[in-house]
PDB file of N, CA and C in Angstrom:
ATOM      1  N   MET A   1      18.349  -8.815  -1.803  1.00  0.00           N
ATOM      2  CA  MET A   1      17.383  -7.298  -1.704  1.00  0.00           C
ATOM      3  C   MET A   1      16.070  -7.512  -2.279  1.00  0.00           C
ATOM      4  N   ILE A   2      15.344  -7.515  -1.774  1.00  0.00           N
ATOM      5  CA  ILE A   2      13.538  -7.986  -2.385  1.00  0.00           C
ATOM      6  C   ILE A   2      13.011  -6.542  -2.805  1.00  0.00           C
ATOM      7  N   GLU A   3      13.068  -6.503  -4.737  1.00  0.00           N
ATOM      8  CA  GLU A   3      12.576  -5.214  -5.203  1.00  0.00           C
ATOM      9  C   GLU A   3      11.074  -5.141  -4.803  1.00  0.00           C
ATOM     10  N   ASN A   4      11.137  -4.213  -4.719  1.00  0.00           N
ATOM     11  CA  ASN A   4       9.511  -3.825  -4.367  1.00  0.00           C
ATOM     12  C   ASN A   4       8.775  -3.141  -5.747  1.00  0.00           C
ATOM     13  N   LYS A   5       7.318  -3.332  -6.168  1.00  0.00           N
ATOM     14  CA  LYS A   5       6.529  -3.149  -7.041  1.00  0.00           C
ATOM     15  C   LYS A   5       6.148  -2.087  -6.669  1.00  0.00           C
ATOM     16  N   LEU A   6       6.215  -0.900  -7.739  1.00  0.00           N
ATOM     17  CA  LEU A   6       5.470   0.391  -8.017  1.00  0.00           C
ATOM     18  C   LEU A   6       4.345   0.326  -8.351  1.00  0.00           C
ATOM     19  N   GLN A   7       2.913   0.618  -7.409  1.00  0.00           N
ATOM     20  CA  GLN A   7       2.189   0.752  -8.163  1.00  0.00           C
ATOM     21  C   GLN A   7       1.309   1.973  -8.171  1.00  0.00           C
ATOM     22  N   GLN A   8       0.232   2.274  -8.817  1.00  0.00           N
ATOM     23  CA  GLN A   8      -0.759   3.573  -9.388  1.00  0.00           C
ATOM     24  C   GLN A   8      -1.979   2.986  -8.941  1.00  0.00           C
ATOM     25  N   GLN A   9      -2.523   4.006  -8.261  1.00  0.00           N
ATOM     26  CA  GLN A   9      -4.246   3.494  -7.837  1.00  0.00           C
ATOM     27  C   GLN A   9      -5.108   4.260  -8.915  1.00  0.00           C
ATOM     28  N   LEU A  10      -6.034   3.371  -9.249  1.00  0.00           N
ATOM     29  CA  LEU A  10      -6.790   3.789 -10.203  1.00  0.00           C
ATOM     30  C   LEU A  10      -8.193   4.533 -10.068  1.00  0.00           C
ATOM     31  N   SER A  11      -8.934   5.223 -10.729  1.00  0.00           N
ATOM     32  CA  SER A  11     -10.353   5.853 -10.398  1.00  0.00           C
ATOM     33  C   SER A  11     -11.074   5.002  -9.771  1.00  0.00           C
ATOM     34  N   ASN A  12     -10.991   3.462  -9.437  1.00  0.00           N
ATOM     35  CA  ASN A  12     -11.865   2.904  -8.760  1.00  0.00           C
ATOM     36  C   ASN A  12     -11.611   2.395  -7.350  1.00  0.00           C
ATOM     37  N   GLY A  13     -10.170   3.250  -7.359  1.00  0.00           N
ATOM     38  CA  GLY A  13     -10.045   2.921  -5.563  1.00  0.00           C
ATOM     39  C   GLY A  13      -8.570   1.563  -5.672  1.00  0.00           C
ATOM     40  N   THR A  14      -8.872   0.807  -6.720  1.00  0.00           N
ATOM     41  CA  THR A  14      -7.895  -0.137  -6.834  1.00  0.00           C
ATOM     42  C   THR A  14      -6.615   0.672  -7.333  1.00  0.00           C
ATOM     43  N   TRP A  15      -5.489  -0.892  -7.084  1.00  0.00           N
ATOM     44  CA  TRP A  15      -4.052  -0.537  -7.104  1.00  0.00           C
ATOM     45  C   TRP A  15      -3.794  -1.165  -8.418  1.00  0.00           C
ATOM     46  N   SER A  16      -2.809  -0.732  -9.097  1.00  0.00           N
ATOM     47  CA  SER A  16      -2.122  -1.709 -10.625  1.00  0.00           C
ATOM     48  C   SER A  16      -0.959  -1.450 -10.208  1.00  0.00           C
ATOM     49  N   ASP A  17      -0.044  -2.431 -10.774  1.00  0.00           N
ATOM     50  CA  ASP A  17       1.256  -2.476 -10.674  1.00  0.00           C
ATOM     51  C   ASP A  17       1.771  -1.482 -11.741  1.00  0.00           C
ATOM     52  N   VAL A  18       2.616  -0.653 -12.212  1.00  0.00           N
ATOM     53  CA  VAL A  18       3.164   0.018 -12.863  1.00  0.00           C
ATOM     54  C   VAL A  18       4.103  -0.753 -13.930  1.00  0.00           C
ATOM     55  N   ASP A  19       4.697  -1.812 -13.543  1.00  0.00           N
ATOM     56  CA  ASP A  19       5.573  -2.428 -14.721  1.00  0.00           C
ATOM     57  C   ASP A  19       6.528  -1.689 -14.926  1.00  0.00           C
ATOM     58  N   ASP A  20       6.393  -1.712 -16.589  1.00  0.00           N
ATOM     59  CA  ASP A  20       7.843  -0.990 -17.333  1.00  0.00           C
ATOM     60  C   ASP A  20       7.406   0.474 -17.307  1.00  0.00           C
ATOM     61  N   ARG A  21       6.820   0.987 -16.280  1.00  0.00           N
ATOM     62  CA  ARG A  21       6.550   2.479 -16.672  1.00  0.00           C
ATOM     63  C   ARG A  21       6.857   3.327 -15.018  1.00  0.00           C
ATOM     64  N   THR A  22       7.478   2.170 -14.598  1.00  0.00           N
ATOM     65  CA  THR A  22       8.263   2.177 -12.895  1.00  0.00           C
ATOM     66  C   THR A  22       8.841   3.760 -13.262  1.00  0.00           C
ATOM     67  N   GLU A  23       9.872   3.854 -14.101  1.00  0.00           N
ATOM     68  CA  GLU A  23      10.796   5.066 -13.883  1.00  0.00           C
ATOM     69  C   GLU A  23       9.983   6.424 -14.322  1.00  0.00           C
ATOM     70  N   GLU A  24       8.889   6.331 -15.159  1.00  0.00           N
ATOM     71  CA  GLU A  24       7.961   7.591 -15.551  1.00  0.00           C
ATOM     72  C   GLU A  24       7.175   8.077 -14.236  1.00  0.00           C
ATOM     73  N   PHE A  25       6.858   6.678 -13.186  1.00  0.00           N
ATOM     74  CA  PHE A  25       5.902   7.117 -12.657  1.00  0.00           C
ATOM     75  C   PHE A  25       6.663   7.809 -11.246  1.00  0.00           C
ATOM     76  N   LEU A  26       8.165   7.582 -11.174  1.00  0.00           N
ATOM     77  CA  LEU A  26       8.713   7.993  -9.933  1.00  0.00           C
ATOM     78  C   LEU A  26       9.221   9.005 -10.260  1.00  0.00           C
ATOM     79  N   ASN A  27       9.376   9.939 -11.679  1.00  0.00           N
ATOM     80  CA  ASN A  27       9.758  10.756 -12.442  1.00  0.00           C
ATOM     81  C   ASN A  27       8.250  11.799 -11.683  1.00  0.00           C
ATOM     82  N   LEU A  28       6.823  11.467 -11.975  1.00  0.00           N
ATOM     83  CA  LEU A  28       6.078  12.345 -11.519  1.00  0.00           C
ATOM     84  C   LEU A  28       5.834  11.950  -9.953  1.00  0.00           C
ATOM     85  N   CYS A  29       6.367  11.282  -9.584  1.00  0.00           N
ATOM     86  CA  CYS A  29       6.264  11.263  -7.904  1.00  0.00           C
ATOM     87  C   CYS A  29       7.204  12.729  -7.565  1.00  0.00           C
ATOM     88  N   GLU A  30       8.405  12.558  -8.245  1.00  0.00           N
ATOM     89  CA  GLU A  30       9.732  13.650  -7.909  1.00  0.00           C
ATOM     90  C   GLU A  30       8.921  15.234  -8.144  1.00  0.00           C
ATOM     91  N   LYS A  31       8.174  15.101  -9.511  1.00  0.00           N
ATOM     92  CA  LYS A  31       7.656  16.447  -9.665  1.00  0.00           C
ATOM     93  C   LYS A  31       6.656  17.055  -8.864  1.00  0.00           C
ATOM     94  N   ASN A  32       5.775  16.182  -8.491  1.00  0.00           N
ATOM     95  CA  ASN A  32       4.575  16.492  -7.873  1.00  0.00           C
ATOM     96  C   ASN A  32       4.570  16.411  -6.210  1.00  0.00           C
ATOM     97  N   ASN A  33       5.695  15.978  -5.997  1.00  0.00           N
ATOM     98  CA  ASN A  33       5.748  16.110  -4.251  1.00  0.00           C
ATOM     99  C   ASN A  33       7.047  16.934  -3.903  1.00  0.00           C
ATOM    100  N   ASP A  34       7.886  17.320  -4.827  1.00  0.00           N
ATOM    101  CA  ASP A  34       8.658  18.435  -4.700  1.00  0.00           C
ATOM    102  C   ASP A  34       9.875  17.424  -3.839  1.00  0.00           C
ATOM    103  N   MET A  35      10.448  16.724  -4.496  1.00  0.00           N
ATOM    104  CA  MET A  35      11.302  15.654  -3.907  1.00  0.00           C
ATOM    105  C   MET A  35      12.215  15.036  -4.740  1.00  0.00           C
ATOM    106  N   ASN A  36      13.437  14.618  -4.343  1.00  0.00           N
ATOM    107  CA  ASN A  36      14.594  14.200  -5.324  1.00  0.00           C
ATOM    108  C   ASN A  36      14.058  12.468  -5.135  1.00  0.00           C
ATOM    109  N   ARG A  37      15.087  11.877  -6.073  1.00  0.00           N
ATOM    110  CA  ARG A  37      14.719  10.561  -6.088  1.00  0.00           C
ATOM    111  C   ARG A  37      14.809  10.062  -4.784  1.00  0.00           C
ATOM    112  N   ASP A  38      16.182  10.241  -3.851  1.00  0.00           N
ATOM    113  CA  ASP A  38      16.238   9.292  -2.940  1.00  0.00           C
ATOM    114  C   ASP A  38      14.979   9.850  -2.090  1.00  0.00           C
ATOM    115  N   GLU A  39      14.481  10.648  -1.550  1.00  0.00           N
ATOM    116  CA  GLU A  39      13.239  11.070  -0.846  1.00  0.00           C
ATOM    117  C   GLU A  39      12.125  10.592  -1.228  1.00  0.00           C
ATOM    118  N   VAL A  40      12.106  10.468  -2.493  1.00  0.00           N
ATOM    119  CA  VAL A  40      10.606   9.426  -3.121  1.00  0.00           C
ATOM    120  C   VAL A  40      11.012   8.025  -2.295  1.00  0.00           C
ATOM    121  N   LEU A  41      12.229   7.274  -3.130  1.00  0.00           N
ATOM    122  CA  LEU A  41      12.432   6.047  -2.579  1.00  0.00           C
ATOM    123  C   LEU A  41      12.226   5.839  -0.933  1.00  0.00           C
ATOM    124  N   ASN A  42      12.752   6.576  -0.269  1.00  0.00           N
ATOM    125  CA  ASN A  42      12.724   6.856   1.276  1.00  0.00           C
ATOM    126  C   ASN A  42      11.323   6.819   1.676  1.00  0.00           C
ATOM    127  N   ALA A  43      10.537   7.732   1.127  1.00  0.00           N
ATOM    128  CA  ALA A  43       9.284   7.564   1.611  1.00  0.00           C
ATOM    129  C   ALA A  43       8.365   6.598   0.921  1.00  0.00           C
ATOM    130  N   LEU A  44       8.630   5.767   0.205  1.00  0.00           N
ATOM    131  CA  LEU A  44       7.661   4.680  -0.358  1.00  0.00           C
ATOM    132  C   LEU A  44       8.515   3.590   0.201  1.00  0.00           C
ATOM    133  N   ASP A  45       9.643   3.673   0.748  1.00  0.00           N
ATOM    134  CA  ASP A  45       9.782   2.515   1.666  1.00  0.00           C
ATOM    135  C   ASP A  45       9.104   2.744   2.847  1.00  0.00           C
ATOM    136  N   ALA A  46       9.215   3.824   3.436  1.00  0.00           N
ATOM    137  CA  ALA A  46       8.428   3.534   4.822  1.00  0.00           C
ATOM    138  C   ALA A  46       6.802   3.505   4.602  1.00  0.00           C
ATOM    139  N   GLY A  47       6.542   3.259   3.769  1.00  0.00           N
ATOM    140  CA  GLY A  47       5.157   2.927   3.446  1.00  0.00           C
ATOM    141  C   GLY A  47       4.229   3.823   2.855  1.00  0.00           C
ATOM    142  N   LYS A  48       4.580   5.334   2.639  1.00  0.00           N
ATOM    143  CA  LYS A  48       3.832   6.393   2.241  1.00  0.00           C
ATOM    144  C   LYS A  48       3.407   6.012   1.009  1.00  0.00           C
ATOM    145  N   LYS A  49       2.180   6.822   0.630  1.00  0.00           N
ATOM    146  CA  LYS A  49       1.743   6.858  -0.673  1.00  0.00           C
ATOM    147  C   LYS A  49       2.146   8.135  -1.182  1.00  0.00           C
ATOM    148  N   LEU A  50       2.423   8.939  -2.472  1.00  0.00           N
ATOM    149  CA  LEU A  50       2.767   9.879  -3.083  1.00  0.00           C
ATOM    150  C   LEU A  50       2.082  10.291  -3.914  1.00  0.00           C
ATOM    151  N   ARG A  51       1.891  11.468  -3.992  1.00  0.00           N
ATOM    152  CA  ARG A  51       0.903  12.228  -5.531  1.00  0.00           C
ATOM    153  C   ARG A  51       1.798  11.492  -6.670  1.00  0.00           C
ATOM    154  N   ASN A  52       1.284  11.529  -8.095  1.00  0.00           N
ATOM    155  CA  ASN A  52       1.651  11.367  -9.321  1.00  0.00           C
ATOM    156  C   ASN A  52       1.058  12.346  -9.851  1.00  0.00           C
ATOM    157  N   ASP A  53      -0.076  13.310  -9.381  1.00  0.00           N
ATOM    158  CA  ASP A  53      -1.050  13.732 -10.599  1.00  0.00           C
ATOM    159  C   ASP A  53      -1.829  14.520  -9.445  1.00  0.00           C
ATOM    160  N   PRO A  54      -1.574  16.166  -9.017  1.00  0.00           N
ATOM    161  CA  PRO A  54      -2.505  16.674  -8.361  1.00  0.00           C
ATOM    162  C   PRO A  54      -3.823  16.840  -8.788  1.00  0.00           C
ATOM    163  N   ALA A  55      -4.058  16.718 -10.031  1.00  0.00           N
ATOM    164  CA  ALA A  55      -5.410  16.811 -10.624  1.00  0.00           C
ATOM    165  C   ALA A  55      -6.243  16.055 -10.314  1.00  0.00           C
ATOM    166  N   ASP A  56      -6.213  14.544  -9.489  1.00  0.00           N
ATOM    167  CA  ASP A  56      -6.975  13.680  -9.605  1.00  0.00           C
ATOM    168  C   ASP A  56      -6.913  12.785  -8.123  1.00  0.00           C
ATOM    169  N   TRP A  57      -8.007  12.690  -7.479  1.00  0.00           N
ATOM    170  CA  TRP A  57      -7.731  12.706  -5.775  1.00  0.00           C
ATOM    171  C   TRP A  57      -7.234  11.265  -5.960  1.00  0.00           C
ATOM    172  N   TYR A  58      -6.915  10.405  -6.755  1.00  0.00           N
ATOM    173  CA  TYR A  58      -6.698   9.099  -6.712  1.00  0.00           C
ATOM    174  C   TYR A  58      -5.372   9.037  -7.641  1.00  0.00           C
ATOM    175  N   SER A  59      -4.536   9.881  -7.924  1.00  0.00           N
ATOM    176  CA  SER A  59      -3.427   9.792  -8.595  1.00  0.00           C
ATOM    177  C   SER A  59      -2.214   9.855  -7.634  1.00  0.00           C
ATOM    178  N   ASN A  60      -2.372   8.370  -7.089  1.00  0.00           N
ATOM    179  CA  ASN A  60      -1.241   8.275  -5.924  1.00  0.00           C
ATOM    180  C   ASN A  60      -0.577   6.768  -6.462  1.00  0.00           C
ATOM    181  N   CYS A  61       0.975   7.089  -5.811  1.00  0.00           N
ATOM    182  CA  CYS A  61       1.923   5.901  -5.925  1.00  0.00           C
ATOM    183  C   CYS A  61       1.947   4.957  -4.748  1.00  0.00           C
ATOM    184  N   ARG A  62       2.317   3.713  -4.843  1.00  0.00           N
ATOM    185  CA  ARG A  62       2.916   3.598  -3.436  1.00  0.00           C
ATOM    186  C   ARG A  62       3.653   1.815  -3.844  1.00  0.00           C
ATOM    187  N   TYR A  63       4.562   1.380  -2.901  1.00  0.00           N
ATOM    188  CA  TYR A  63       4.959   0.115  -2.866  1.00  0.00           C
ATOM    189  C   TYR A  63       4.019  -1.026  -2.745  1.00  0.00           C
ATOM    190  N   GLU A  64       3.604  -2.279  -3.540  1.00  0.00           N
ATOM    191  CA  GLU A  64       3.077  -3.301  -3.080  1.00  0.00           C
ATOM    192  C   GLU A  64       2.976  -3.812  -1.787  1.00  0.00           C
ATOM    193  N   PRO A  65       1.911  -3.501  -0.997  1.00  0.00           N
ATOM    194  CA  PRO A  65       2.225  -3.935   0.121  1.00  0.00           C
ATOM    195  C   PRO A  65       2.716  -5.536   0.061  1.00  0.00           C
ATOM    196  N   ALA A  66       3.277  -5.704   1.199  1.00  0.00           N
ATOM    197  CA  ALA A  66       4.234  -7.296   1.449  1.00  0.00           C
ATOM    198  C   ALA A  66       2.763  -8.232   2.007  1.00  0.00           C
ATOM    199  N   GLU A  67       2.654  -9.633   1.638  1.00  0.00           N
ATOM    200  CA  GLU A  67       1.826 -10.394   2.235  1.00  0.00           C
ATOM    201  C   GLU A  67       1.926 -10.424   3.614  1.00  0.00           C
ATOM    202  N   THR A  68       0.703 -10.664   4.434  1.00  0.00           N
ATOM    203  CA  THR A  68       0.617 -10.878   5.696  1.00  0.00           C
ATOM    204  C   THR A  68       0.069 -12.187   5.812  1.00  0.00           C
ATOM    205  N   ALA A  69       0.453 -12.918   6.838  1.00  0.00           N
ATOM    206  CA  ALA A  69       0.092 -14.289   7.564  1.00  0.00           C
ATOM    207  C   ALA A  69      -1.554 -13.956   7.616  1.00  0.00           C
ATOM    208  N   PRO A  70      -2.213 -15.174   7.287  1.00  0.00           N
ATOM    209  CA  PRO A  70      -3.727 -15.091   7.947  1.00  0.00           C
ATOM    210  C   PRO A  70      -4.030 -15.274   9.567  1.00  0.00           C
ATOM    211  N   ALA A  71      -4.817 -14.279  10.181  1.00  0.00           N
ATOM    212  CA  ALA A  71      -5.346 -14.369  11.238  1.00  0.00           C
ATOM    213  C   ALA A  71      -5.744 -15.926  11.775  1.00  0.00           C
ATOM    214  N   PRO A  72      -5.217 -16.316  13.334  1.00  0.00           N
ATOM    215  CA  PRO A  72      -5.552 -17.443  13.681  1.00  0.00           C
ATOM    216  C   PRO A  72      -6.999 -17.661  13.630  1.00  0.00           C
ATOM    217  N   PRO A  73      -7.516 -19.057  13.927  1.00  0.00           N
ATOM    218  CA  PRO A  73      -8.995 -19.502  13.600  1.00  0.00           C
ATOM    219  C   PRO A  73      -9.229 -18.817  15.092  1.00  0.00           C
ATOM    220  N   ILE A  74     -10.432 -18.441  15.363  1.00  0.00           N
ATOM    221  CA  ILE A  74     -11.057 -17.914  16.534  1.00  0.00           C
ATOM    222  C   ILE A  74     -11.549 -19.128  17.030  1.00  0.00           C
ATOM    223  N   GLN A  75     -11.035 -19.089  18.304  1.00  0.00           N
ATOM    224  CA  GLN A  75     -11.706 -20.234  19.266  1.00  0.00           C
ATOM    225  C   GLN A  75     -12.759 -20.136  19.830  1.00  0.00           C
ATOM    226  N   GLU A  76     -13.891 -20.979  19.933  1.00  0.00           N
ATOM    227  CA  GLU A  76     -14.956 -20.837  20.351  1.00  0.00           C
ATOM    228  C   GLU A  76     -14.962 -21.094  21.797  1.00  0.00           C
ATOM    229  N   PHE A  77     -15.632 -20.223  22.724  1.00  0.00           N
ATOM    230  CA  PHE A  77     -15.804 -19.781  23.735  1.00  0.00           C
ATOM    231  C   PHE A  77     -16.803 -20.903  24.685  1.00  0.00           C
ATOM    232  N   VAL A  78     -16.468 -21.864  25.361  1.00  0.00           N
ATOM    233  CA  VAL A  78     -17.265 -22.731  26.389  1.00  0.00           C
ATOM    234  C   VAL A  78     -17.159 -22.500  27.472  1.00  0.00           C
ATOM    235  N   PRO A  79     -17.989 -21.895  28.067  1.00  0.00           N
ATOM    236  CA  PRO A  79     -18.025 -21.584  29.938  1.00  0.00           C
ATOM    237  C   PRO A  79     -17.644 -23.292  30.543  1.00  0.00           C
ATOM    238  N   ASP A  80     -17.121 -23.097  31.582  1.00  0.00           N
ATOM    239  CA  ASP A  80     -16.696 -24.507  32.615  1.00  0.00           C
ATOM    240  C   ASP A  80     -17.705 -23.945  33.776  1.00  0.00           C
ATOM    241  N   ASN A  81     -18.639 -23.206  33.462  1.00  0.00           N
ATOM    242  CA  ASN A  81     -19.609 -23.017  34.922  1.00  0.00           C
ATOM    243  C   ASN A  81     -20.886 -23.589  33.991  1.00  0.00           C
ATOM    244  N   GLU A  82     -21.500 -24.793  34.741  1.00  0.00           N
ATOM    245  CA  GLU A  82     -22.616 -25.665  34.243  1.00  0.00           C
ATOM    246  C   GLU A  82     -24.161 -24.616  34.522  1.00  0.00           C
ATOM    247  N   GLU A  83     -24.001 -23.422  35.110  1.00  0.00           N
ATOM    248  CA  GLU A  83     -24.978 -22.862  35.595  1.00  0.00           C
ATOM    249  C   GLU A  83     -25.613 -21.901  34.670  1.00  0.00           C
ATOM    250  N   TRP A  84     -24.691 -21.709  33.667  1.00  0.00           N
ATOM    251  CA  TRP A  84     -25.077 -20.719  32.494  1.00  0.00           C
ATOM    252  C   TRP A  84     -26.345 -21.368  31.983  1.00  0.00           C
ATOM    253  N   GLU A  85     -27.065 -20.395  31.440  1.00  0.00           N
ATOM    254  CA  GLU A  85     -27.883 -20.857  30.752  1.00  0.00           C
ATOM    255  C   GLU A  85     -28.168 -20.188  29.241  1.00  0.00           C
ATOM    256  N   TYR A  86     -28.622 -20.826  28.008  1.00  0.00           N
ATOM    257  CA  TYR A  86     -28.161 -20.094  26.882  1.00  0.00           C
ATOM    258  C   TYR A  86     -29.371 -19.689  26.299  1.00  0.00           C
TER     259      TYR A  86
END
């Protein structure tokens, strides 16, 4: 089983790992979203962002997004019709 990293949103909009404060932030998410622990964990597993403090717009928690594969390179279009002018 892969363990997800809990992150908090900072005031500049970036995300930071909460590391050893995970339990504290999960408790805040329970309190500020009127959810129990299972509901919080299920919402985070589903990719939701949850409020950890209603006072600030940026007070959210999420699981760190999974790494994605890079997009394939764009192939250059070369027309096979020699009548085209550039």
